[in-house]
Protein backbone atom coordinates (compact mmCIF):
# COMPACT_ATOMS: atom_id res chain seq x y z
CA UNK A 1 -0.24 -22.85 -30.35
CA UNK A 2 -0.12 -20.51 -27.36
CA UNK A 3 2.35 -17.65 -27.11
CA UNK A 4 4.66 -19.88 -25.03
CA UNK A 5 4.40 -22.83 -27.43
CA UNK A 6 1.79 -24.97 -25.66
CA UNK A 7 -0.57 -26.95 -27.86
CA UNK A 8 -4.18 -25.87 -27.25
CA UNK A 9 -7.57 -26.60 -28.76
CA UNK A 10 -11.23 -25.80 -28.38
CA UNK A 11 -14.66 -26.29 -29.92
CA UNK A 12 -15.92 -23.99 -32.66
CA UNK A 13 -19.63 -24.16 -33.42
CA UNK A 14 -20.72 -22.55 -36.66
CA UNK A 15 -24.29 -21.70 -37.66
CA UNK A 16 -25.71 -23.02 -40.87
CA UNK A 17 -24.71 -20.87 -43.84
CA UNK A 18 -22.01 -19.13 -41.79
CA UNK A 19 -19.78 -16.93 -43.94
CA UNK A 20 -16.36 -18.36 -44.69
CA UNK A 21 -14.78 -15.12 -43.50
CA UNK A 22 -15.65 -12.20 -41.26
CA UNK A 23 -18.28 -13.83 -39.03
CA UNK A 24 -19.22 -12.44 -35.61
CA UNK A 25 -17.94 -14.48 -32.68
CA UNK A 26 -19.06 -15.33 -29.16
CA UNK A 27 -16.20 -16.57 -26.96
CA UNK A 28 -17.66 -18.87 -24.29
CA UNK A 29 -15.05 -20.00 -21.71
CA UNK A 30 -16.29 -22.66 -19.30
CA UNK A 31 -16.63 -22.31 -15.54
CA UNK A 32 -14.81 -24.32 -12.93
CA UNK A 33 -12.09 -23.69 -13.85
CA UNK A 34 -11.10 -27.36 -13.46
CA UNK A 35 -13.85 -28.69 -15.71
CA UNK A 36 -14.04 -28.90 -19.49
CA UNK A 37 -16.44 -28.69 -22.41
CA UNK A 38 -17.59 -31.75 -24.36
CA UNK A 39 -18.66 -32.45 -27.90
CA UNK A 40 -22.43 -32.57 -27.87
CA UNK A 41 -25.53 -30.45 -27.49
CA UNK A 42 -25.15 -27.27 -25.42
CA UNK A 43 -28.29 -25.16 -25.34
CA UNK A 44 -26.50 -21.84 -24.79
CA UNK A 45 -23.99 -22.50 -27.55
CA UNK A 46 -26.80 -23.48 -29.92
CA UNK A 47 -28.76 -20.36 -28.95
CA UNK A 48 -25.90 -18.10 -30.02
CA UNK A 49 -25.29 -20.12 -33.18
CA UNK A 50 -28.98 -19.88 -34.08
CA UNK A 51 -28.54 -16.09 -34.03
CA UNK A 52 -25.70 -16.24 -36.54
CA UNK A 53 -22.64 -16.27 -34.29
CA UNK A 54 -19.64 -18.54 -34.38
CA UNK A 55 -19.14 -19.84 -30.83
CA UNK A 56 -15.65 -20.64 -29.53
CA UNK A 57 -15.21 -22.76 -26.40
CA UNK A 58 -11.48 -22.64 -25.50
CA UNK A 59 -9.97 -25.45 -23.45
CA UNK A 60 -7.38 -23.34 -21.64
CA UNK A 61 -4.75 -24.59 -19.21
CA UNK A 62 -6.45 -25.37 -15.95
CA UNK A 63 -9.15 -27.39 -17.72
CA UNK A 64 -9.81 -30.95 -16.61
CA UNK A 65 -9.60 -33.96 -18.90
CA UNK A 66 -6.18 -33.37 -20.49
CA UNK A 67 -3.97 -34.76 -17.73
CA UNK A 68 -2.97 -33.48 -14.30
CA UNK A 69 -0.08 -31.43 -15.64
CA UNK A 70 -2.41 -29.48 -17.92
CA UNK A 71 -4.96 -28.96 -15.13
CA UNK A 72 -2.34 -27.89 -12.59
CA UNK A 73 -0.75 -25.50 -15.11
CA UNK A 74 -3.71 -23.22 -14.52
CA UNK A 75 -3.26 -22.92 -10.79
CA UNK A 76 -2.56 -19.37 -9.59
CA UNK A 77 -2.93 -18.28 -13.21
CA UNK A 78 -6.32 -16.57 -13.10
CA UNK A 79 -6.07 -13.53 -15.36
CA UNK A 80 -2.65 -14.69 -16.52
CA UNK A 81 -1.79 -17.92 -18.38
CA UNK A 82 -5.40 -19.15 -18.48
CA UNK A 83 -6.55 -15.80 -19.85
CA UNK A 84 -3.66 -15.70 -22.32
CA UNK A 85 -4.75 -19.10 -23.65
CA UNK A 86 -8.24 -17.74 -24.33
CA UNK A 87 -6.79 -14.62 -25.96
CA UNK A 88 -4.42 -16.67 -28.12
CA UNK A 89 -7.31 -18.82 -29.34
CA UNK A 90 -9.32 -15.74 -30.28
CA UNK A 91 -6.36 -14.21 -32.10
CA UNK A 92 -5.85 -17.46 -33.99
CA UNK A 93 -9.44 -17.27 -35.25
CA UNK A 94 -8.95 -13.63 -36.25
CA UNK A 95 -5.76 -14.47 -38.13
CA UNK A 96 -7.53 -17.30 -39.93
CA UNK A 97 -9.93 -14.75 -41.41
CA UNK A 98 -13.03 -16.56 -40.16
CA UNK A 99 -13.82 -13.94 -37.52
CA UNK A 100 -14.56 -10.23 -37.78
CA UNK A 101 -12.23 -8.63 -35.19
CA UNK A 102 -14.73 -5.81 -34.63
CA UNK A 103 -17.59 -8.18 -33.68
CA UNK A 104 -16.36 -10.36 -30.82
CA UNK A 105 -18.16 -10.75 -27.49
CA UNK A 106 -16.95 -12.84 -24.54
CA UNK A 107 -19.56 -14.52 -22.32
CA UNK A 108 -19.15 -16.77 -19.28
CA UNK A 109 -20.61 -18.17 -16.08
CA UNK A 110 -18.78 -18.50 -12.73
CA UNK A 111 -15.06 -18.81 -13.60
CA UNK A 112 -16.11 -18.10 -17.18
CA UNK A 113 -17.63 -14.85 -15.90
CA UNK A 114 -14.26 -13.93 -14.43
CA UNK A 115 -12.63 -14.74 -17.78
CA UNK A 116 -15.23 -12.66 -19.62
CA UNK A 117 -14.66 -9.54 -17.55
CA UNK A 118 -10.90 -10.18 -17.44
CA UNK A 119 -11.07 -10.18 -21.23
CA UNK A 120 -12.85 -6.81 -21.19
CA UNK A 121 -10.41 -5.26 -18.70
CA UNK A 122 -7.05 -6.88 -19.50
CA UNK A 123 -7.47 -6.95 -23.30
CA UNK A 124 -9.94 -4.10 -23.82
CA UNK A 125 -9.24 -3.71 -27.55
CA UNK A 126 -10.16 -7.33 -28.31
CA UNK A 127 -13.83 -7.43 -27.38
CA UNK A 128 -16.88 -5.43 -28.46
CA UNK A 129 -18.85 -6.56 -25.41
CA UNK A 130 -18.64 -8.84 -22.37
CA UNK A 131 -21.23 -10.72 -20.31
CA UNK A 132 -20.54 -12.18 -16.87
CA UNK A 133 -23.04 -14.47 -15.15
CA UNK A 134 -22.38 -15.02 -11.42
CA UNK A 135 -18.70 -14.50 -12.00
CA UNK A 136 -15.77 -14.05 -9.63
CA UNK A 137 -14.58 -10.48 -10.17
CA UNK A 138 -12.55 -9.71 -7.03
CA UNK A 139 -10.14 -12.52 -6.17
CA UNK A 140 -8.98 -11.33 -2.69
CA UNK A 141 -12.60 -10.74 -1.72
CA UNK A 142 -13.54 -14.24 -2.91
CA UNK A 143 -10.83 -15.80 -0.73
CA UNK A 144 -11.95 -13.76 2.29
CA UNK A 145 -15.52 -14.98 1.78
CA UNK A 146 -14.36 -18.61 1.59
CA UNK A 147 -12.45 -18.16 4.86
CA UNK A 148 -15.50 -16.68 6.55
CA UNK A 149 -17.86 -19.36 5.26
CA UNK A 150 -15.77 -22.48 5.80
CA UNK A 151 -13.09 -21.41 8.25
CA UNK A 152 -9.42 -20.76 7.71
CA UNK A 153 -8.55 -24.45 7.95
CA UNK A 154 -11.28 -25.71 5.61
CA UNK A 155 -10.58 -27.97 2.63
CA UNK A 156 -12.56 -25.57 0.46
CA UNK A 157 -10.33 -22.61 1.29
CA UNK A 158 -7.24 -24.77 0.80
CA UNK A 159 -8.45 -25.70 -2.69
CA UNK A 160 -9.16 -22.10 -3.66
CA UNK A 161 -5.81 -20.90 -2.32
CA UNK A 162 -4.14 -23.49 -4.56
CA UNK A 163 -6.33 -22.49 -7.50
CA UNK A 164 -6.40 -18.70 -7.12
CA UNK A 165 -3.49 -17.77 -4.84
CA UNK A 166 -2.68 -16.71 -1.30
CA UNK A 167 -4.57 -13.56 -0.28
CA UNK A 168 -1.57 -12.20 1.63
CA UNK A 169 1.54 -13.35 -0.23
CA UNK A 170 -0.04 -12.98 -3.69
CA UNK A 171 -2.15 -9.90 -3.04
CA UNK A 172 -0.61 -7.69 -5.77
CA UNK A 173 -0.93 -10.49 -8.32
CA UNK A 174 -4.56 -11.13 -7.35
CA UNK A 175 -5.52 -7.47 -7.56
CA UNK A 176 -3.87 -7.16 -10.98
CA UNK A 177 -5.94 -10.15 -12.19
CA UNK A 178 -9.25 -9.00 -10.65
CA UNK A 179 -11.67 -7.40 -13.13
CA UNK A 180 -13.17 -5.30 -10.34
CA UNK A 181 -9.78 -3.74 -9.62
CA UNK A 182 -9.07 -3.15 -13.34
CA UNK A 183 -12.52 -2.00 -14.44
CA UNK A 184 -11.30 1.49 -15.39
CA UNK A 185 -9.50 -0.08 -18.36
CA UNK A 186 -12.71 -1.50 -19.86
CA UNK A 187 -14.03 0.18 -23.01
CA UNK A 188 -16.71 -2.21 -24.22
CA UNK A 189 -20.21 -2.41 -22.73
CA UNK A 190 -20.49 -5.03 -19.98
CA UNK A 191 -23.58 -6.91 -18.84
CA UNK A 192 -23.39 -8.43 -15.36
CA UNK A 193 -26.01 -11.01 -14.36
CA UNK A 194 -26.35 -11.92 -10.67
CA UNK A 195 -28.32 -14.56 -8.77
CA UNK A 196 -28.61 -14.66 -5.00
CA UNK A 197 -29.11 -18.46 -4.84
CA UNK A 198 -25.64 -19.38 -6.16
CA UNK A 199 -23.92 -21.55 -3.52
CA UNK A 200 -20.45 -21.24 -5.02
CA UNK A 201 -20.08 -17.55 -5.88
CA UNK A 202 -21.54 -15.02 -3.41
CA UNK A 203 -23.89 -12.45 -4.88
CA UNK A 204 -21.62 -9.70 -3.49
CA UNK A 205 -19.17 -10.46 -6.31
CA UNK A 206 -21.45 -9.31 -9.17
CA UNK A 207 -23.15 -6.67 -7.01
CA UNK A 208 -19.88 -4.99 -6.11
């Protein structure tokens, strides 16, 4: 259960011979954010598990596949409710005893990269490390880029305004939720991976 009483769930992949208590954990939030994870083979999840980590894939509000209300509950909640859902899932695993609270890393691609670095900056005591792969780290900058690329009347910009927020009216909220703006709070080591061929997230996001 989330801090506001919502019922949440996720996938937990355990390596063979995983300890019953005190295992290291990789938190692996999906991208999108309006997509979801599925039960089945995931090469990155299996890679981490093969190295001895539990791997947690939270299905936070904003994820697709659980009804429109659940998906829409994540809109304009980057770094807020969606991040809280990830945090609450991690804390549940800590409280269960299965996870060593000193050995938790958060890793993500695209929106998951935003969630990874938001985890490191907004909840700096929770994670021992963070990895962002082509993530969105500055929300106002991302909206400006969308406007430049597609035009201020484009369907793409309209979608991202609904998903992220309005760059003018919501500016304070967006800056508070942007890992780039909050990076001084980070304490754990951070690895940022960038690719200049990504057609969704501009390479300026990880570079900056």
